[in-house]
Amino acid sequence: MSNQIGTLKMGQKFKKTPAGEIPVDWECASLSSIANIIMGQSPESSACNDKAEGTPFYQGNADFGRLYPVPSSWCTSPTKLAKEGDILISVRAPVGEINIA
């Protein structure tokens, strides 16, 4: 009941979708239909270090901060590079955490 009252106060209307209830002016779409998804790829372990030599190497959620990652390791021969402003999505537990490159 309180949820309905909150909705009435805001004037927001919702619709049911496979993803759950969303505002009526939103669309439900697969991520691949609205974004270019590029999977990361781990470099050779011999190219990784903790001495800040090379490019920051983000290992997923372990390096994620509140908004931006905080590197704990680096790589001298990276296999994939994110561009500034790219959205990073962790595929290691917990899956789905996000940060911005």
N, C-alpha and C. Protein backbone atom coordinates (compact mmCIF):
# COMPACT_ATOMS: atom_id res chain seq x y z
N MET A 1 0.82 -1.20 0.00
CA MET A 1 0.00 0.00 0.00
C MET A 1 0.86 1.27 0.00
N SER A 2 1.92 1.30 0.85
CA SER A 2 2.77 2.49 0.91
C SER A 2 3.49 2.71 -0.42
N ASN A 3 3.81 1.62 -1.13
CA ASN A 3 4.44 1.75 -2.44
C ASN A 3 3.47 2.43 -3.42
N GLN A 4 2.20 2.07 -3.36
CA GLN A 4 1.21 2.70 -4.22
C GLN A 4 1.07 4.18 -3.90
N ILE A 5 1.08 4.51 -2.63
CA ILE A 5 0.97 5.92 -2.22
C ILE A 5 2.18 6.70 -2.71
N GLY A 6 3.38 6.14 -2.54
CA GLY A 6 4.60 6.79 -3.02
C GLY A 6 4.53 7.02 -4.52
N THR A 7 4.02 6.03 -5.25
CA THR A 7 3.89 6.14 -6.70
C THR A 7 2.89 7.24 -7.06
N LEU A 8 1.79 7.30 -6.36
CA LEU A 8 0.78 8.33 -6.63
C LEU A 8 1.34 9.72 -6.35
N LYS A 9 2.10 9.87 -5.29
CA LYS A 9 2.67 11.17 -4.96
C LYS A 9 3.62 11.63 -6.06
N MET A 10 4.40 10.71 -6.59
CA MET A 10 5.36 11.06 -7.63
C MET A 10 4.71 11.17 -9.00
N GLY A 11 3.54 10.59 -9.17
CA GLY A 11 2.88 10.60 -10.46
C GLY A 11 3.53 9.64 -11.44
N GLN A 12 4.39 8.76 -10.97
CA GLN A 12 5.11 7.82 -11.82
C GLN A 12 4.25 6.58 -12.08
N LYS A 13 4.18 6.17 -13.32
CA LYS A 13 3.46 4.95 -13.68
C LYS A 13 4.46 3.91 -14.14
N PHE A 14 4.14 2.65 -13.88
CA PHE A 14 5.04 1.56 -14.20
C PHE A 14 4.36 0.54 -15.11
N LYS A 15 5.20 -0.23 -15.81
CA LYS A 15 4.68 -1.32 -16.63
C LYS A 15 5.48 -2.58 -16.31
N LYS A 16 4.86 -3.74 -16.53
CA LYS A 16 5.53 -5.01 -16.29
C LYS A 16 6.31 -5.41 -17.53
N THR A 17 7.54 -5.90 -17.32
CA THR A 17 8.40 -6.38 -18.40
C THR A 17 9.07 -7.67 -17.92
N PRO A 18 9.77 -8.36 -18.81
CA PRO A 18 10.51 -9.55 -18.37
C PRO A 18 11.56 -9.23 -17.29
N ALA A 19 12.00 -7.98 -17.23
CA ALA A 19 13.00 -7.57 -16.23
C ALA A 19 12.36 -7.09 -14.94
N GLY A 20 11.05 -7.08 -14.87
CA GLY A 20 10.33 -6.56 -13.71
C GLY A 20 9.59 -5.30 -14.06
N GLU A 21 9.12 -4.56 -13.05
CA GLU A 21 8.40 -3.32 -13.30
C GLU A 21 9.38 -2.19 -13.56
N ILE A 22 9.09 -1.42 -14.61
CA ILE A 22 9.92 -0.27 -14.97
C ILE A 22 9.01 0.90 -15.31
N PRO A 23 9.50 2.13 -15.24
CA PRO A 23 8.67 3.28 -15.62
C PRO A 23 8.12 3.12 -17.04
N VAL A 24 6.91 3.60 -17.28
CA VAL A 24 6.25 3.39 -18.57
C VAL A 24 7.01 4.01 -19.74
N ASP A 25 7.81 5.05 -19.48
CA ASP A 25 8.54 5.68 -20.59
C ASP A 25 9.92 5.06 -20.82
N TRP A 26 10.25 3.98 -20.11
CA TRP A 26 11.48 3.25 -20.35
C TRP A 26 11.20 2.10 -21.29
N GLU A 27 12.25 1.60 -21.95
CA GLU A 27 12.15 0.41 -22.78
C GLU A 27 13.00 -0.70 -22.16
N CYS A 28 12.61 -1.90 -22.39
CA CYS A 28 13.37 -3.07 -21.92
C CYS A 28 14.08 -3.64 -23.15
N ALA A 29 15.42 -3.71 -23.10
CA ALA A 29 16.19 -4.19 -24.25
C ALA A 29 17.39 -4.98 -23.76
N SER A 30 17.92 -5.83 -24.60
CA SER A 30 19.14 -6.56 -24.25
C SER A 30 20.32 -5.59 -24.33
N LEU A 31 21.29 -5.78 -23.47
CA LEU A 31 22.46 -4.90 -23.44
C LEU A 31 23.16 -4.86 -24.80
N SER A 32 23.27 -6.02 -25.45
CA SER A 32 23.98 -6.07 -26.74
C SER A 32 23.26 -5.30 -27.84
N SER A 33 21.97 -5.00 -27.67
CA SER A 33 21.25 -4.24 -28.70
C SER A 33 21.46 -2.73 -28.56
N ILE A 34 22.00 -2.29 -27.43
CA ILE A 34 22.19 -0.85 -27.22
C ILE A 34 23.64 -0.46 -26.91
N ALA A 35 24.53 -1.46 -26.79
CA ALA A 35 25.92 -1.16 -26.45
C ALA A 35 26.86 -2.10 -27.20
N ASN A 36 28.08 -1.64 -27.40
CA ASN A 36 29.13 -2.47 -27.98
C ASN A 36 29.85 -3.16 -26.82
N ILE A 37 29.70 -4.47 -26.71
CA ILE A 37 30.28 -5.21 -25.60
C ILE A 37 31.60 -5.83 -26.04
N ILE A 38 32.65 -5.51 -25.29
CA ILE A 38 33.98 -6.05 -25.57
C ILE A 38 34.44 -6.77 -24.31
N MET A 39 34.63 -8.06 -24.41
CA MET A 39 35.08 -8.84 -23.27
C MET A 39 36.57 -8.60 -23.04
N GLY A 40 36.95 -8.53 -21.77
CA GLY A 40 38.35 -8.40 -21.42
C GLY A 40 39.07 -9.72 -21.66
N GLN A 41 40.36 -9.68 -21.53
CA GLN A 41 41.17 -10.89 -21.71
C GLN A 41 42.40 -10.76 -20.82
N SER A 42 42.61 -11.74 -19.97
CA SER A 42 43.75 -11.69 -19.06
C SER A 42 45.07 -11.84 -19.80
N PRO A 43 46.04 -11.00 -19.47
CA PRO A 43 47.36 -11.12 -20.07
C PRO A 43 48.14 -12.27 -19.42
N GLU A 44 49.29 -12.59 -19.96
CA GLU A 44 50.16 -13.60 -19.36
C GLU A 44 50.55 -13.12 -17.96
N SER A 45 50.56 -14.01 -17.00
CA SER A 45 50.89 -13.62 -15.62
C SER A 45 52.29 -13.04 -15.51
N SER A 46 53.19 -13.45 -16.39
CA SER A 46 54.56 -12.92 -16.37
C SER A 46 54.62 -11.43 -16.73
N ALA A 47 53.56 -10.91 -17.37
CA ALA A 47 53.51 -9.50 -17.75
C ALA A 47 52.89 -8.63 -16.66
N CYS A 48 52.41 -9.25 -15.57
CA CYS A 48 51.73 -8.51 -14.50
C CYS A 48 52.68 -8.23 -13.35
N ASN A 49 52.45 -7.08 -12.68
CA ASN A 49 53.30 -6.71 -11.56
C ASN A 49 52.53 -5.82 -10.59
N ASP A 50 53.08 -5.64 -9.40
CA ASP A 50 52.48 -4.74 -8.41
C ASP A 50 53.37 -3.52 -8.16
N LYS A 51 54.24 -3.22 -9.12
CA LYS A 51 55.20 -2.12 -9.00
C LYS A 51 54.79 -0.88 -9.81
N ALA A 52 53.55 -0.84 -10.28
CA ALA A 52 53.03 0.28 -11.08
C ALA A 52 53.80 0.45 -12.39
N GLU A 53 54.28 -0.65 -12.95
CA GLU A 53 54.97 -0.61 -14.23
C GLU A 53 54.01 -1.06 -15.33
N GLY A 54 53.76 -0.18 -16.29
CA GLY A 54 52.86 -0.48 -17.39
C GLY A 54 51.48 0.12 -17.20
N THR A 55 50.48 -0.57 -17.72
CA THR A 55 49.08 -0.13 -17.71
C THR A 55 48.34 -0.76 -16.54
N PRO A 56 47.47 0.00 -15.85
CA PRO A 56 46.69 -0.62 -14.78
C PRO A 56 45.93 -1.85 -15.30
N PHE A 57 45.94 -2.90 -14.50
CA PHE A 57 45.26 -4.15 -14.85
C PHE A 57 44.18 -4.40 -13.81
N TYR A 58 42.92 -4.24 -14.23
CA TYR A 58 41.79 -4.40 -13.32
C TYR A 58 41.30 -5.83 -13.37
N GLN A 59 41.22 -6.43 -12.21
CA GLN A 59 40.82 -7.83 -12.13
C GLN A 59 39.36 -7.96 -11.73
N GLY A 60 38.57 -6.95 -12.01
CA GLY A 60 37.14 -7.02 -11.70
C GLY A 60 36.81 -6.34 -10.40
N ASN A 61 35.81 -6.85 -9.73
CA ASN A 61 35.26 -6.23 -8.54
C ASN A 61 36.32 -5.96 -7.47
N ALA A 62 37.36 -6.78 -7.39
CA ALA A 62 38.40 -6.58 -6.38
C ALA A 62 39.07 -5.22 -6.52
N ASP A 63 39.11 -4.66 -7.72
CA ASP A 63 39.74 -3.37 -7.96
C ASP A 63 38.74 -2.23 -8.12
N PHE A 64 37.45 -2.53 -8.01
CA PHE A 64 36.44 -1.50 -8.21
C PHE A 64 36.31 -0.61 -6.98
N GLY A 65 36.24 0.70 -7.24
CA GLY A 65 36.00 1.67 -6.19
C GLY A 65 34.53 2.08 -6.22
N ARG A 66 34.23 3.20 -5.59
CA ARG A 66 32.84 3.67 -5.57
C ARG A 66 32.34 3.99 -6.99
N LEU A 67 33.21 4.63 -7.78
CA LEU A 67 32.84 4.98 -9.15
C LEU A 67 33.92 4.56 -10.15
N TYR A 68 35.18 4.69 -9.75
CA TYR A 68 36.31 4.37 -10.62
C TYR A 68 37.17 3.28 -9.99
N PRO A 69 37.80 2.44 -10.81
CA PRO A 69 38.66 1.39 -10.25
C PRO A 69 39.93 1.97 -9.63
N VAL A 70 40.45 1.24 -8.66
CA VAL A 70 41.71 1.58 -8.02
C VAL A 70 42.66 0.41 -8.28
N PRO A 71 43.66 0.60 -9.15
CA PRO A 71 44.50 -0.53 -9.54
C PRO A 71 45.35 -1.06 -8.39
N SER A 72 45.51 -2.37 -8.36
CA SER A 72 46.42 -3.01 -7.41
C SER A 72 47.49 -3.78 -8.17
N SER A 73 47.29 -3.90 -9.50
CA SER A 73 48.32 -4.53 -10.33
C SER A 73 48.36 -3.85 -11.70
N TRP A 74 49.47 -4.05 -12.37
CA TRP A 74 49.71 -3.42 -13.66
C TRP A 74 50.19 -4.47 -14.64
N CYS A 75 50.21 -4.11 -15.93
CA CYS A 75 50.59 -5.06 -16.97
C CYS A 75 51.47 -4.36 -18.00
N THR A 76 52.55 -5.01 -18.38
CA THR A 76 53.46 -4.43 -19.37
C THR A 76 53.11 -4.87 -20.79
N SER A 77 52.23 -5.87 -20.94
CA SER A 77 51.79 -6.33 -22.26
C SER A 77 50.28 -6.58 -22.24
N PRO A 78 49.47 -5.50 -22.16
CA PRO A 78 48.02 -5.70 -22.07
C PRO A 78 47.45 -6.31 -23.36
N THR A 79 46.42 -7.13 -23.20
CA THR A 79 45.77 -7.75 -24.36
C THR A 79 44.53 -6.99 -24.79
N LYS A 80 43.89 -6.28 -23.88
CA LYS A 80 42.72 -5.44 -24.18
C LYS A 80 42.84 -4.16 -23.38
N LEU A 81 42.39 -3.04 -23.97
CA LEU A 81 42.43 -1.76 -23.29
C LEU A 81 41.05 -1.10 -23.33
N ALA A 82 40.62 -0.56 -22.20
CA ALA A 82 39.38 0.22 -22.14
C ALA A 82 39.73 1.67 -22.43
N LYS A 83 38.77 2.40 -23.00
CA LYS A 83 38.96 3.82 -23.23
C LYS A 83 38.38 4.60 -22.06
N GLU A 84 38.90 5.81 -21.86
CA GLU A 84 38.38 6.66 -20.79
C GLU A 84 36.87 6.83 -20.98
N GLY A 85 36.13 6.63 -19.91
CA GLY A 85 34.67 6.78 -19.96
C GLY A 85 33.92 5.49 -20.25
N ASP A 86 34.63 4.43 -20.67
CA ASP A 86 33.97 3.14 -20.89
C ASP A 86 33.37 2.63 -19.59
N ILE A 87 32.27 1.91 -19.68
CA ILE A 87 31.66 1.28 -18.52
C ILE A 87 32.26 -0.11 -18.36
N LEU A 88 32.78 -0.37 -17.18
CA LEU A 88 33.39 -1.66 -16.87
C LEU A 88 32.38 -2.48 -16.07
N ILE A 89 32.14 -3.71 -16.48
CA ILE A 89 31.20 -4.59 -15.77
C ILE A 89 31.97 -5.83 -15.32
N SER A 90 31.92 -6.12 -14.03
CA SER A 90 32.61 -7.28 -13.51
C SER A 90 31.89 -8.57 -13.92
N VAL A 91 32.68 -9.52 -14.41
CA VAL A 91 32.12 -10.84 -14.74
C VAL A 91 32.68 -11.88 -13.79
N ARG A 92 33.35 -11.41 -12.75
CA ARG A 92 33.84 -12.28 -11.68
C ARG A 92 33.02 -11.96 -10.43
N ALA A 93 32.84 -12.94 -9.59
CA ALA A 93 31.98 -12.76 -8.41
C ALA A 93 32.44 -11.57 -7.57
N PRO A 94 31.51 -10.71 -7.18
CA PRO A 94 30.12 -10.72 -7.60
C PRO A 94 29.94 -10.15 -9.00
N VAL A 95 29.22 -10.83 -9.81
CA VAL A 95 28.97 -10.44 -11.19
C VAL A 95 28.04 -9.22 -11.23
N GLY A 96 28.32 -8.32 -12.16
CA GLY A 96 27.43 -7.19 -12.39
C GLY A 96 27.83 -5.88 -11.76
N GLU A 97 28.84 -5.88 -10.89
CA GLU A 97 29.32 -4.62 -10.33
C GLU A 97 29.87 -3.77 -11.48
N ILE A 98 29.70 -2.45 -11.39
CA ILE A 98 30.16 -1.57 -12.47
C ILE A 98 31.08 -0.47 -11.95
N ASN A 99 31.94 0.02 -12.81
CA ASN A 99 32.81 1.17 -12.61
C ASN A 99 33.00 1.84 -13.95
N ILE A 100 33.63 3.00 -13.92
CA ILE A 100 33.90 3.75 -15.16
C ILE A 100 35.40 3.83 -15.36
N ALA A 101 35.85 3.52 -16.58
CA ALA A 101 37.28 3.58 -16.88
C ALA A 101 37.75 5.01 -16.91
